[in-house]
């Protein structure tokens, strides 16, 4: 059975859907997400492609750049969203009626679309709203939402289009991971989407994704992260040095913020000439999105909202250790911590 058990306060009416249709043109549509895509970006992009096909017969080409290295994300890509193709160079844009950015924005610095070419469609949920959005044909950016998957779900809901079990599983997992099962930065719209998708998904596929096997490198990185972590009052910081993949900072930050005395957690590491970082805050604490904007002002690009955020700083031949020290100093000043650092795993704790 494929039906909605709960209806959301959906602001997407027929006129809004027609604006999206006009922005997409006759097809094919090129769909791009941010580099090193996470489950929310993979799911929302694949869902937008299916919506375009089901609603208007528009074909799409989905391209991601960077790495999908986390075990669960690899399983998701293979089992739930195999429509994505990998390329670190975008195809010729002249071959498409429109370009859509999903789970990212023009000017965010984390996607491969040239600053000289604005997208025609942007669907995203991140802070901040970039100034380039004013010139985009169709914009749906709602930072109050916990996941872009929720926004795309609402397009199916508004148009009365059924969601197949594989796509429902992808959207559910994207929403689940971005909100930690509705425990992080979720809205009423996320809750309704979550419950509806839960009733539609393929549970066996979900288990295969969530229980994907972990490599020895994962455990080595996890150990390095714990060994590197230092406490500064209620803030915890871990610098991983060179990383085999850029999403390790997010995995370690997710663990460090669970420390009972921590209010904020910052994890940093370098990969192929870029310093990546992930920031987590406790619920009802400082907004992570606004923190990272101040953290890398004049240095790099960052975005996020609620309790999670991240960004990157091009090293440009600079010593990463020096850049890390500057970011750490800014971070501790922003969160008001002046306590000297001590190892997380010190024996006297």
C-alpha atoms as a PDB file:
ATOM      1  CA  UNK A   1       0.000   0.000   0.000  1.00  0.00           C
ATOM      2  CA  UNK A   2       1.408   3.384  -0.971  1.00  0.00           C
ATOM      3  CA  UNK A   3      -0.458   6.250   0.605  1.00  0.00           C
ATOM      4  CA  UNK A   4       0.183   9.140   2.943  1.00  0.00           C
ATOM      5  CA  UNK A   5      -0.859   8.546   6.530  1.00  0.00           C
ATOM      6  CA  UNK A   6      -0.335  12.180   7.553  1.00  0.00           C
ATOM      7  CA  UNK A   7      -0.646  15.364   5.515  1.00  0.00           C
ATOM      8  CA  UNK A   8       1.819  18.185   6.056  1.00  0.00           C
ATOM      9  CA  UNK A   9       1.282  21.922   5.934  1.00  0.00           C
ATOM     10  CA  UNK A  10       2.527  21.885   2.353  1.00  0.00           C
ATOM     11  CA  UNK A  11       3.022  25.308   0.767  1.00  0.00           C
ATOM     12  CA  UNK A  12       3.675  23.821  -2.677  1.00  0.00           C
ATOM     13  CA  UNK A  13       0.596  24.607  -4.758  1.00  0.00           C
ATOM     14  CA  UNK A  14      -0.120  24.142  -8.475  1.00  0.00           C
ATOM     15  CA  UNK A  15       1.325  27.544  -9.348  1.00  0.00           C
ATOM     16  CA  UNK A  16       4.591  26.735  -7.534  1.00  0.00           C
ATOM     17  CA  UNK A  17       4.861  23.385  -9.283  1.00  0.00           C
ATOM     18  CA  UNK A  18       4.308  25.054 -12.653  1.00  0.00           C
ATOM     19  CA  UNK A  19       7.142  27.492 -11.910  1.00  0.00           C
ATOM     20  CA  UNK A  20       9.405  24.519 -11.288  1.00  0.00           C
ATOM     21  CA  UNK A  21       8.220  22.941 -14.550  1.00  0.00           C
ATOM     22  CA  UNK A  22       9.020  26.078 -16.529  1.00  0.00           C
ATOM     23  CA  UNK A  23      12.449  26.389 -14.919  1.00  0.00           C
ATOM     24  CA  UNK A  24      13.287  22.783 -15.850  1.00  0.00           C
ATOM     25  CA  UNK A  25      12.320  23.195 -19.491  1.00  0.00           C
ATOM     26  CA  UNK A  26      11.806  20.204 -21.732  1.00  0.00           C
ATOM     27  CA  UNK A  27      14.827  18.265 -20.531  1.00  0.00           C
ATOM     28  CA  UNK A  28      17.164  16.728 -20.039  1.00  0.00           C
ATOM     29  CA  UNK A  29      17.818  18.281 -16.629  1.00  0.00           C
ATOM     30  CA  UNK A  30      21.327  18.162 -15.120  1.00  0.00           C
ATOM     31  CA  UNK A  31      21.162  17.562 -11.368  1.00  0.00           C
ATOM     32  CA  UNK A  32      24.256  18.364  -9.274  1.00  0.00           C
ATOM     33  CA  UNK A  33      24.822  18.093  -5.538  1.00  0.00           C
ATOM     34  CA  UNK A  34      27.694  19.070  -3.257  1.00  0.00           C
ATOM     35  CA  UNK A  35      31.095  17.416  -3.384  1.00  0.00           C
ATOM     36  CA  UNK A  36      31.493  14.216  -1.356  1.00  0.00           C
ATOM     37  CA  UNK A  37      27.702  13.762  -1.148  1.00  0.00           C
ATOM     38  CA  UNK A  38      25.964  12.494   1.967  1.00  0.00           C
ATOM     39  CA  UNK A  39      22.742  10.432   2.144  1.00  0.00           C
ATOM     40  CA  UNK A  40      20.485  13.494   2.155  1.00  0.00           C
ATOM     41  CA  UNK A  41      22.011  14.848  -1.043  1.00  0.00           C
ATOM     42  CA  UNK A  42      22.021  11.469  -2.786  1.00  0.00           C
ATOM     43  CA  UNK A  43      18.394  10.836  -1.851  1.00  0.00           C
ATOM     44  CA  UNK A  44      17.011  14.282  -2.621  1.00  0.00           C
ATOM     45  CA  UNK A  45      18.752  14.442  -6.004  1.00  0.00           C
ATOM     46  CA  UNK A  46      17.512  10.988  -7.026  1.00  0.00           C
ATOM     47  CA  UNK A  47      14.020  11.888  -5.825  1.00  0.00           C
ATOM     48  CA  UNK A  48      13.983  15.136  -7.799  1.00  0.00           C
ATOM     49  CA  UNK A  49      14.897  13.177 -10.947  1.00  0.00           C
ATOM     50  CA  UNK A  50      12.055  10.720 -10.341  1.00  0.00           C
ATOM     51  CA  UNK A  51       9.623  13.545  -9.644  1.00  0.00           C
ATOM     52  CA  UNK A  52      10.540  15.259 -12.906  1.00  0.00           C
ATOM     53  CA  UNK A  53       9.987  11.999 -14.804  1.00  0.00           C
ATOM     54  CA  UNK A  54       6.705  11.127 -13.107  1.00  0.00           C
ATOM     55  CA  UNK A  55       5.225  14.633 -13.182  1.00  0.00           C
ATOM     56  CA  UNK A  56       6.243  15.860 -16.628  1.00  0.00           C
ATOM     57  CA  UNK A  57       8.198  13.150 -18.434  1.00  0.00           C
ATOM     58  CA  UNK A  58      11.456  15.108 -18.059  1.00  0.00           C
ATOM     59  CA  UNK A  59      14.650  13.045 -18.167  1.00  0.00           C
ATOM     60  CA  UNK A  60      17.530  13.860 -15.836  1.00  0.00           C
ATOM     61  CA  UNK A  61      21.268  13.253 -15.658  1.00  0.00           C
ATOM     62  CA  UNK A  62      22.681  13.128 -12.122  1.00  0.00           C
ATOM     63  CA  UNK A  63      26.378  13.835 -11.520  1.00  0.00           C
ATOM     64  CA  UNK A  64      28.292  13.910  -8.231  1.00  0.00           C
ATOM     65  CA  UNK A  65      31.910  14.887  -7.621  1.00  0.00           C
ATOM     66  CA  UNK A  66      34.400  13.916  -4.966  1.00  0.00           C
ATOM     67  CA  UNK A  67      34.162  10.774  -2.866  1.00  0.00           C
ATOM     68  CA  UNK A  68      31.401   8.583  -1.490  1.00  0.00           C
ATOM     69  CA  UNK A  69      33.556   6.686   0.970  1.00  0.00           C
ATOM     70  CA  UNK A  70      31.575   6.085   4.146  1.00  0.00           C
ATOM     71  CA  UNK A  71      30.427   2.449   4.163  1.00  0.00           C
ATOM     72  CA  UNK A  72      26.763   3.281   4.637  1.00  0.00           C
ATOM     73  CA  UNK A  73      26.883   5.915   1.902  1.00  0.00           C
ATOM     74  CA  UNK A  74      28.500   3.493  -0.534  1.00  0.00           C
ATOM     75  CA  UNK A  75      25.775   0.966   0.202  1.00  0.00           C
ATOM     76  CA  UNK A  76      23.124   3.621  -0.307  1.00  0.00           C
ATOM     77  CA  UNK A  77      24.623   4.672  -3.635  1.00  0.00           C
ATOM     78  CA  UNK A  78      24.701   1.085  -4.876  1.00  0.00           C
ATOM     79  CA  UNK A  79      21.374  -0.151  -3.527  1.00  0.00           C
ATOM     80  CA  UNK A  80      19.106   2.906  -3.406  1.00  0.00           C
ATOM     81  CA  UNK A  81      20.390   5.654  -5.718  1.00  0.00           C
ATOM     82  CA  UNK A  82      22.408   4.015  -8.533  1.00  0.00           C
ATOM     83  CA  UNK A  83      21.197   6.724 -10.953  1.00  0.00           C
ATOM     84  CA  UNK A  84      24.071   8.966  -9.828  1.00  0.00           C
ATOM     85  CA  UNK A  85      27.191   9.071 -11.993  1.00  0.00           C
ATOM     86  CA  UNK A  86      30.589  10.136 -10.738  1.00  0.00           C
ATOM     87  CA  UNK A  87      32.653  12.794 -12.492  1.00  0.00           C
ATOM     88  CA  UNK A  88      34.929  15.494 -11.170  1.00  0.00           C
ATOM     89  CA  UNK A  89      34.289  17.441 -14.377  1.00  0.00           C
ATOM     90  CA  UNK A  90      30.763  18.520 -15.264  1.00  0.00           C
ATOM     91  CA  UNK A  91      29.453  17.561 -18.706  1.00  0.00           C
ATOM     92  CA  UNK A  92      28.754  20.221 -21.315  1.00  0.00           C
ATOM     93  CA  UNK A  93      25.974  22.361 -19.902  1.00  0.00           C
ATOM     94  CA  UNK A  94      24.780  23.292 -23.390  1.00  0.00           C
ATOM     95  CA  UNK A  95      23.335  19.782 -23.664  1.00  0.00           C
ATOM     96  CA  UNK A  96      20.752  20.416 -20.930  1.00  0.00           C
ATOM     97  CA  UNK A  97      17.602  22.484 -20.776  1.00  0.00           C
ATOM     98  CA  UNK A  98      18.384  23.434 -17.162  1.00  0.00           C
ATOM     99  CA  UNK A  99      20.752  22.811 -14.241  1.00  0.00           C
ATOM    100  CA  UNK A 100      19.521  22.017 -10.728  1.00  0.00           C
ATOM    101  CA  UNK A 101      21.550  22.275  -7.532  1.00  0.00           C
ATOM    102  CA  UNK A 102      20.255  20.021  -4.764  1.00  0.00           C
ATOM    103  CA  UNK A 103      21.372  20.207  -1.106  1.00  0.00           C
ATOM    104  CA  UNK A 104      23.769  23.016  -2.010  1.00  0.00           C
ATOM    105  CA  UNK A 105      23.633  26.558  -3.345  1.00  0.00           C
ATOM    106  CA  UNK A 106      25.506  28.733  -5.843  1.00  0.00           C
ATOM    107  CA  UNK A 107      28.407  30.412  -4.079  1.00  0.00           C
ATOM    108  CA  UNK A 108      28.608  27.779  -1.351  1.00  0.00           C
ATOM    109  CA  UNK A 109      32.015  26.659  -2.584  1.00  0.00           C
ATOM    110  CA  UNK A 110      31.211  22.964  -2.229  1.00  0.00           C
ATOM    111  CA  UNK A 111      29.954  22.126  -5.716  1.00  0.00           C
ATOM    112  CA  UNK A 112      31.506  22.061  -9.196  1.00  0.00           C
ATOM    113  CA  UNK A 113      29.192  24.555 -10.900  1.00  0.00           C
ATOM    114  CA  UNK A 114      31.204  27.554 -12.079  1.00  0.00           C
ATOM    115  CA  UNK A 115      30.461  30.884 -10.416  1.00  0.00           C
ATOM    116  CA  UNK A 116      29.920  32.223 -13.924  1.00  0.00           C
ATOM    117  CA  UNK A 117      26.985  29.862 -14.540  1.00  0.00           C
ATOM    118  CA  UNK A 118      23.981  30.197 -12.273  1.00  0.00           C
ATOM    119  CA  UNK A 119      21.739  27.164 -11.847  1.00  0.00           C
ATOM    120  CA  UNK A 120      18.125  27.327 -12.972  1.00  0.00           C
ATOM    121  CA  UNK A 121      16.796  25.447  -9.927  1.00  0.00           C
ATOM    122  CA  UNK A 122      18.022  25.359  -6.320  1.00  0.00           C
ATOM    123  CA  UNK A 123      16.474  23.139  -3.638  1.00  0.00           C
ATOM    124  CA  UNK A 124      18.300  23.199  -0.308  1.00  0.00           C
ATOM    125  CA  UNK A 125      17.933  23.548   3.463  1.00  0.00           C
ATOM    126  CA  UNK A 126      21.244  25.081   4.544  1.00  0.00           C
ATOM    127  CA  UNK A 127      22.230  28.423   6.061  1.00  0.00           C
ATOM    128  CA  UNK A 128      23.107  30.953   4.817  1.00  0.00           C
ATOM    129  CA  UNK A 129      20.937  32.006   1.886  1.00  0.00           C
ATOM    130  CA  UNK A 130      23.475  32.988  -0.749  1.00  0.00           C
ATOM    131  CA  UNK A 131      23.064  36.316  -2.537  1.00  0.00           C
ATOM    132  CA  UNK A 132      23.219  34.577  -5.935  1.00  0.00           C
ATOM    133  CA  UNK A 133      19.801  33.039  -5.249  1.00  0.00           C
ATOM    134  CA  UNK A 134      18.179  36.349  -6.200  1.00  0.00           C
ATOM    135  CA  UNK A 135      19.020  35.629  -9.850  1.00  0.00           C
ATOM    136  CA  UNK A 136      17.957  31.954  -9.950  1.00  0.00           C
ATOM    137  CA  UNK A 137      14.731  31.094 -11.788  1.00  0.00           C
ATOM    138  CA  UNK A 138      13.367  28.669  -9.183  1.00  0.00           C
ATOM    139  CA  UNK A 139      14.451  28.675  -5.540  1.00  0.00           C
ATOM    140  CA  UNK A 140      13.219  26.530  -2.675  1.00  0.00           C
ATOM    141  CA  UNK A 141      15.601  27.034   0.239  1.00  0.00           C
ATOM    142  CA  UNK A 142      14.144  26.423   3.694  1.00  0.00           C
ATOM    143  CA  UNK A 143      16.723  26.428   6.509  1.00  0.00           C
ATOM    144  CA  UNK A 144      14.036  25.511   9.051  1.00  0.00           C
ATOM    145  CA  UNK A 145      13.853  22.038   7.498  1.00  0.00           C
ATOM    146  CA  UNK A 146      16.154  19.355   8.828  1.00  0.00           C
ATOM    147  CA  UNK A 147      16.856  17.786   5.434  1.00  0.00           C
ATOM    148  CA  UNK A 148      16.491  18.488   1.740  1.00  0.00           C
ATOM    149  CA  UNK A 149      14.852  15.053   1.497  1.00  0.00           C
ATOM    150  CA  UNK A 150      11.855  16.507   3.325  1.00  0.00           C
ATOM    151  CA  UNK A 151      11.500  19.294   0.772  1.00  0.00           C
ATOM    152  CA  UNK A 152      11.560  16.904  -2.194  1.00  0.00           C
ATOM    153  CA  UNK A 153       9.122  14.574  -0.426  1.00  0.00           C
ATOM    154  CA  UNK A 154       6.675  17.464  -0.333  1.00  0.00           C
ATOM    155  CA  UNK A 155       6.763  17.755  -4.128  1.00  0.00           C
ATOM    156  CA  UNK A 156       5.455  14.198  -4.433  1.00  0.00           C
ATOM    157  CA  UNK A 157       2.870  14.964  -1.771  1.00  0.00           C
ATOM    158  CA  UNK A 158       1.714  18.158  -3.499  1.00  0.00           C
ATOM    159  CA  UNK A 159       1.416  16.456  -6.883  1.00  0.00           C
ATOM    160  CA  UNK A 160      -0.184  13.271  -5.539  1.00  0.00           C
ATOM    161  CA  UNK A 161       2.579  11.087  -6.991  1.00  0.00           C
ATOM    162  CA  UNK A 162       3.313   7.725  -5.374  1.00  0.00           C
ATOM    163  CA  UNK A 163       6.799   7.056  -4.028  1.00  0.00           C
ATOM    164  CA  UNK A 164       8.156   3.582  -4.717  1.00  0.00           C
ATOM    165  CA  UNK A 165       9.696   1.595  -1.824  1.00  0.00           C
ATOM    166  CA  UNK A 166      13.323   1.978  -2.977  1.00  0.00           C
ATOM    167  CA  UNK A 167      13.032   5.751  -3.311  1.00  0.00           C
ATOM    168  CA  UNK A 168      11.102   5.960  -0.017  1.00  0.00           C
ATOM    169  CA  UNK A 169      13.974   4.076   1.653  1.00  0.00           C
ATOM    170  CA  UNK A 170      16.499   6.525   0.218  1.00  0.00           C
ATOM    171  CA  UNK A 171      14.512   9.587   1.309  1.00  0.00           C
ATOM    172  CA  UNK A 172      13.923   8.117   4.765  1.00  0.00           C
ATOM    173  CA  UNK A 173      17.612   7.360   5.245  1.00  0.00           C
ATOM    174  CA  UNK A 174      18.622  10.820   4.013  1.00  0.00           C
ATOM    175  CA  UNK A 175      16.207  12.443   6.443  1.00  0.00           C
ATOM    176  CA  UNK A 176      17.150  10.070   9.246  1.00  0.00           C
ATOM    177  CA  UNK A 177      20.885  10.743   8.983  1.00  0.00           C
ATOM    178  CA  UNK A 178      20.621  14.520   8.648  1.00  0.00           C
ATOM    179  CA  UNK A 179      18.348  14.801  11.709  1.00  0.00           C
ATOM    180  CA  UNK A 180      19.679  11.847  13.741  1.00  0.00           C
ATOM    181  CA  UNK A 181      16.244  10.284  13.705  1.00  0.00           C
ATOM    182  CA  UNK A 182      14.489  13.664  14.294  1.00  0.00           C
ATOM    183  CA  UNK A 183      16.693  14.382  17.320  1.00  0.00           C
ATOM    184  CA  UNK A 184      18.722  17.109  15.577  1.00  0.00           C
ATOM    185  CA  UNK A 185      17.355  20.250  13.923  1.00  0.00           C
ATOM    186  CA  UNK A 186      14.064  18.740  12.782  1.00  0.00           C
ATOM    187  CA  UNK A 187      10.827  20.580  12.013  1.00  0.00           C
ATOM    188  CA  UNK A 188       7.158  19.494  11.974  1.00  0.00           C
ATOM    189  CA  UNK A 189       7.493  18.960   8.215  1.00  0.00           C
ATOM    190  CA  UNK A 190      10.405  16.568   8.829  1.00  0.00           C
ATOM    191  CA  UNK A 191       8.356  14.615  11.354  1.00  0.00           C
ATOM    192  CA  UNK A 192       5.476  14.134   8.925  1.00  0.00           C
ATOM    193  CA  UNK A 193       7.773  13.138   6.068  1.00  0.00           C
ATOM    194  CA  UNK A 194       9.616  10.723   8.373  1.00  0.00           C
ATOM    195  CA  UNK A 195       6.455   8.914   9.463  1.00  0.00           C
ATOM    196  CA  UNK A 196       5.048   8.700   5.957  1.00  0.00           C
ATOM    197  CA  UNK A 197       8.297   7.411   4.482  1.00  0.00           C
ATOM    198  CA  UNK A 198       8.613   4.895   7.306  1.00  0.00           C
ATOM    199  CA  UNK A 199       5.325   3.371   6.162  1.00  0.00           C
ATOM    200  CA  UNK A 200       6.517   3.082   2.546  1.00  0.00           C
ATOM    201  CA  UNK A 201      10.143   1.948   2.735  1.00  0.00           C
ATOM    202  CA  UNK A 202      11.763  -1.428   2.122  1.00  0.00           C
ATOM    203  CA  UNK A 203      12.999  -2.514   5.542  1.00  0.00           C
ATOM    204  CA  UNK A 204      15.374  -5.168   4.213  1.00  0.00           C
ATOM    205  CA  UNK A 205      17.147  -2.607   2.030  1.00  0.00           C
ATOM    206  CA  UNK A 206      17.327  -0.179   4.942  1.00  0.00           C
ATOM    207  CA  UNK A 207      19.041  -2.803   7.109  1.00  0.00           C
ATOM    208  CA  UNK A 208      21.581  -3.521   4.352  1.00  0.00           C
ATOM    209  CA  UNK A 209      22.487   0.167   4.211  1.00  0.00           C
ATOM    210  CA  UNK A 210      22.578   0.803   7.958  1.00  0.00           C
ATOM    211  CA  UNK A 211      24.604  -2.354   8.659  1.00  0.00           C
ATOM    212  CA  UNK A 212      27.120  -1.937   5.827  1.00  0.00           C
ATOM    213  CA  UNK A 213      30.507  -3.451   6.668  1.00  0.00           C
ATOM    214  CA  UNK A 214      33.240  -1.194   8.028  1.00  0.00           C
ATOM    215  CA  UNK A 215      36.861  -1.277   6.891  1.00  0.00           C
ATOM    216  CA  UNK A 216      39.924  -1.494   9.125  1.00  0.00           C
ATOM    217  CA  UNK A 217      40.809   2.035   7.979  1.00  0.00           C
ATOM    218  CA  UNK A 218      37.584   3.249   9.594  1.00  0.00           C
ATOM    219  CA  UNK A 219      38.671   1.867  12.964  1.00  0.00           C
ATOM    220  CA  UNK A 220      42.172   3.282  12.561  1.00  0.00           C
ATOM    221  CA  UNK A 221      40.717   6.722  11.802  1.00  0.00           C
ATOM    222  CA  UNK A 222      38.301   6.433  14.699  1.00  0.00           C
ATOM    223  CA  UNK A 223      41.185   5.612  17.035  1.00  0.00           C
ATOM    224  CA  UNK A 224      43.250   8.553  15.723  1.00  0.00           C
ATOM    225  CA  UNK A 225      40.285  10.872  16.259  1.00  0.00           C
ATOM    226  CA  UNK A 226      39.888   9.868  19.893  1.00  0.00           C
ATOM    227  CA  UNK A 227      43.627  10.090  20.525  1.00  0.00           C
ATOM    228  CA  UNK A 228      43.758  13.565  18.948  1.00  0.00           C
ATOM    229  CA  UNK A 229      40.721  14.975  20.762  1.00  0.00           C
ATOM    230  CA  UNK A 230      41.370  17.652  23.392  1.00  0.00           C
ATOM    231  CA  UNK A 231      38.980  19.233  25.864  1.00  0.00           C
ATOM    232  CA  UNK A 232      38.731  22.998  26.373  1.00  0.00           C
ATOM    233  CA  UNK A 233      36.065  23.367  29.020  1.00  0.00           C
ATOM    234  CA  UNK A 234      32.813  22.403  27.284  1.00  0.00           C
ATOM    235  CA  UNK A 235      34.397  22.400  23.812  1.00  0.00           C
ATOM    236  CA  UNK A 236      36.150  19.411  22.273  1.00  0.00           C
ATOM    237  CA  UNK A 237      38.474  19.688  19.261  1.00  0.00           C
ATOM    238  CA  UNK A 238      40.132  16.946  17.227  1.00  0.00           C
ATOM    239  CA  UNK A 239      42.626  17.482  14.412  1.00  0.00           C
ATOM    240  CA  UNK A 240      43.076  14.312  12.366  1.00  0.00           C
ATOM    241  CA  UNK A 241      45.950  15.497  10.170  1.00  0.00           C
ATOM    242  CA  UNK A 242      45.922  13.981   6.682  1.00  0.00           C
ATOM    243  CA  UNK A 243      42.799  11.920   5.990  1.00  0.00           C
ATOM    244  CA  UNK A 244      42.114   9.174   3.474  1.00  0.00           C
ATOM    245  CA  UNK A 245      38.661  10.672   2.844  1.00  0.00           C
ATOM    246  CA  UNK A 246      37.095  14.028   3.666  1.00  0.00           C
ATOM    247  CA  UNK A 247      33.946  12.775   5.402  1.00  0.00           C
ATOM    248  CA  UNK A 248      35.892  11.398   8.367  1.00  0.00           C
ATOM    249  CA  UNK A 249      35.575  14.742  10.141  1.00  0.00           C
ATOM    250  CA  UNK A 250      31.782  14.399  10.194  1.00  0.00           C
ATOM    251  CA  UNK A 251      31.904  10.852  11.560  1.00  0.00           C
ATOM    252  CA  UNK A 252      34.270  11.801  14.379  1.00  0.00           C
ATOM    253  CA  UNK A 253      32.399  15.018  15.220  1.00  0.00           C
ATOM    254  CA  UNK A 254      29.151  13.040  15.543  1.00  0.00           C
ATOM    255  CA  UNK A 255      30.813  10.892  18.203  1.00  0.00           C
ATOM    256  CA  UNK A 256      32.596  13.691  20.063  1.00  0.00           C
ATOM    257  CA  UNK A 257      29.474  15.815  20.562  1.00  0.00           C
ATOM    258  CA  UNK A 258      27.985  12.945  22.563  1.00  0.00           C
ATOM    259  CA  UNK A 259      30.568  13.505  25.297  1.00  0.00           C
ATOM    260  CA  UNK A 260      28.470  14.317  28.358  1.00  0.00           C
ATOM    261  CA  UNK A 261      30.375  17.507  29.215  1.00  0.00           C
ATOM    262  CA  UNK A 262      30.622  18.831  25.648  1.00  0.00           C
ATOM    263  CA  UNK A 263      28.492  21.651  24.276  1.00  0.00           C
ATOM    264  CA  UNK A 264      30.394  22.004  20.999  1.00  0.00           C
ATOM    265  CA  UNK A 265      32.647  19.694  18.992  1.00  0.00           C
ATOM    266  CA  UNK A 266      34.971  20.618  16.131  1.00  0.00           C
ATOM    267  CA  UNK A 267      36.832  18.068  14.025  1.00  0.00           C
ATOM    268  CA  UNK A 268      39.353  19.017  11.320  1.00  0.00           C
ATOM    269  CA  UNK A 269      41.493  17.182   8.816  1.00  0.00           C
ATOM    270  CA  UNK A 270      43.202  17.719   5.452  1.00  0.00           C
ATOM    271  CA  UNK A 271      42.621  15.908   2.190  1.00  0.00           C
ATOM    272  CA  UNK A 272      44.165  16.685  -1.221  1.00  0.00           C
ATOM    273  CA  UNK A 273      45.126  20.270  -0.393  1.00  0.00           C
ATOM    274  CA  UNK A 274      41.915  21.216   1.400  1.00  0.00           C
ATOM    275  CA  UNK A 275      41.285  21.508   5.133  1.00  0.00           C
ATOM    276  CA  UNK A 276      37.863  20.071   5.934  1.00  0.00           C
ATOM    277  CA  UNK A 277      36.035  20.580   9.205  1.00  0.00           C
ATOM    278  CA  UNK A 278      32.774  19.533  10.820  1.00  0.00           C
ATOM    279  CA  UNK A 279      31.077  21.316  13.702  1.00  0.00           C
ATOM    280  CA  UNK A 280      28.433  19.960  16.055  1.00  0.00           C
ATOM    281  CA  UNK A 281      26.597  21.693  18.872  1.00  0.00           C
ATOM    282  CA  UNK A 282      24.200  20.439  21.517  1.00  0.00           C
ATOM    283  CA  UNK A 283      20.518  21.130  21.059  1.00  0.00           C
ATOM    284  CA  UNK A 284      19.420  24.521  22.416  1.00  0.00           C
ATOM    285  CA  UNK A 285      23.017  25.716  22.264  1.00  0.00           C
ATOM    286  CA  UNK A 286      24.725  28.000  19.766  1.00  0.00           C
ATOM    287  CA  UNK A 287      23.564  27.700  16.148  1.00  0.00           C
ATOM    288  CA  UNK A 288      26.209  25.733  14.261  1.00  0.00           C
ATOM    289  CA  UNK A 289      25.490  27.465  10.961  1.00  0.00           C
ATOM    290  CA  UNK A 290      26.179  30.914  12.301  1.00  0.00           C
ATOM    291  CA  UNK A 291      29.241  29.701  14.206  1.00  0.00           C
ATOM    292  CA  UNK A 292      30.942  28.339  11.094  1.00  0.00           C
ATOM    293  CA  UNK A 293      30.276  31.501   9.111  1.00  0.00           C
ATOM    294  CA  UNK A 294      32.319  33.455  11.662  1.00  0.00           C
ATOM    295  CA  UNK A 295      34.808  30.642  12.029  1.00  0.00           C
ATOM    296  CA  UNK A 296      36.061  30.763   8.438  1.00  0.00           C
ATOM    297  CA  UNK A 297      35.258  34.341   7.473  1.00  0.00           C
ATOM    298  CA  UNK A 298      37.821  35.374   4.865  1.00  0.00           C
ATOM    299  CA  UNK A 299      39.396  31.921   4.826  1.00  0.00           C
ATOM    300  CA  UNK A 300      37.012  29.501   3.150  1.00  0.00           C
ATOM    301  CA  UNK A 301      33.433  28.353   2.664  1.00  0.00           C
ATOM    302  CA  UNK A 302      31.020  26.921   5.225  1.00  0.00           C
ATOM    303  CA  UNK A 303      27.362  26.227   5.796  1.00  0.00           C
ATOM    304  CA  UNK A 304      24.922  24.436   8.047  1.00  0.00           C
ATOM    305  CA  UNK A 305      22.180  25.095  10.536  1.00  0.00           C
ATOM    306  CA  UNK A 306      20.869  24.066  13.921  1.00  0.00           C
ATOM    307  CA  UNK A 307      23.311  21.678  15.542  1.00  0.00           C
ATOM    308  CA  UNK A 308      25.454  20.660  12.555  1.00  0.00           C
ATOM    309  CA  UNK A 309      27.656  22.470  10.063  1.00  0.00           C
ATOM    310  CA  UNK A 310      30.808  22.061   8.067  1.00  0.00           C
ATOM    311  CA  UNK A 311      33.113  23.667   5.571  1.00  0.00           C
ATOM    312  CA  UNK A 312      36.449  23.726   3.870  1.00  0.00           C
ATOM    313  CA  UNK A 313      39.484  25.959   3.559  1.00  0.00           C
ATOM    314  CA  UNK A 314      41.816  25.689   0.529  1.00  0.00           C
ATOM    315  CA  UNK A 315      45.341  25.362   1.865  1.00  0.00           C
ATOM    316  CA  UNK A 316      47.078  26.833  -1.207  1.00  0.00           C
ATOM    317  CA  UNK A 317      50.476  25.479  -0.124  1.00  0.00           C
ATOM    318  CA  UNK A 318      50.020  26.841   3.412  1.00  0.00           C
ATOM    319  CA  UNK A 319      51.039  24.684   6.349  1.00  0.00           C
ATOM    320  CA  UNK A 320      47.808  22.980   7.484  1.00  0.00           C
ATOM    321  CA  UNK A 321      48.977  23.000  11.101  1.00  0.00           C
ATOM    322  CA  UNK A 322      49.190  26.812  11.033  1.00  0.00           C
ATOM    323  CA  UNK A 323      45.716  27.147   9.505  1.00  0.00           C
ATOM    324  CA  UNK A 324      44.307  24.716  12.080  1.00  0.00           C
ATOM    325  CA  UNK A 325      45.770  26.753  14.938  1.00  0.00           C
ATOM    326  CA  UNK A 326      44.106  29.898  13.620  1.00  0.00           C
ATOM    327  CA  UNK A 327      40.737  28.169  13.272  1.00  0.00           C
ATOM    328  CA  UNK A 328      41.035  26.638  16.742  1.00  0.00           C
ATOM    329  CA  UNK A 329      41.779  30.059  18.250  1.00  0.00           C
ATOM    330  CA  UNK A 330      38.775  31.585  16.476  1.00  0.00           C
ATOM    331  CA  UNK A 331      36.569  28.706  17.561  1.00  0.00           C
ATOM    332  CA  UNK A 332      37.477  28.908  21.227  1.00  0.00           C
ATOM    333  CA  UNK A 333      36.901  32.668  21.193  1.00  0.00           C
ATOM    334  CA  UNK A 334      33.485  32.228  19.542  1.00  0.00           C
ATOM    335  CA  UNK A 335      32.328  29.690  22.129  1.00  0.00           C
ATOM    336  CA  UNK A 336      33.869  31.608  25.022  1.00  0.00           C
ATOM    337  CA  UNK A 337      36.257  28.924  26.238  1.00  0.00           C
ATOM    338  CA  UNK A 338      39.556  29.939  27.831  1.00  0.00           C
ATOM    339  CA  UNK A 339      40.380  26.694  29.649  1.00  0.00           C
ATOM    340  CA  UNK A 340      43.706  25.068  28.734  1.00  0.00           C
ATOM    341  CA  UNK A 341      43.367  21.981  26.590  1.00  0.00           C
ATOM    342  CA  UNK A 342      43.719  18.480  27.955  1.00  0.00           C
ATOM    343  CA  UNK A 343      43.585  15.119  26.181  1.00  0.00           C
ATOM    344  CA  UNK A 344      40.153  13.529  26.021  1.00  0.00           C
ATOM    345  CA  UNK A 345      41.668  10.168  26.903  1.00  0.00           C
ATOM    346  CA  UNK A 346      43.822  11.366  29.798  1.00  0.00           C
ATOM    347  CA  UNK A 347      43.964   8.750  32.543  1.00  0.00           C
ATOM    348  CA  UNK A 348      42.758  11.054  35.316  1.00  0.00           C
ATOM    349  CA  UNK A 349      39.359  11.713  33.739  1.00  0.00           C
END
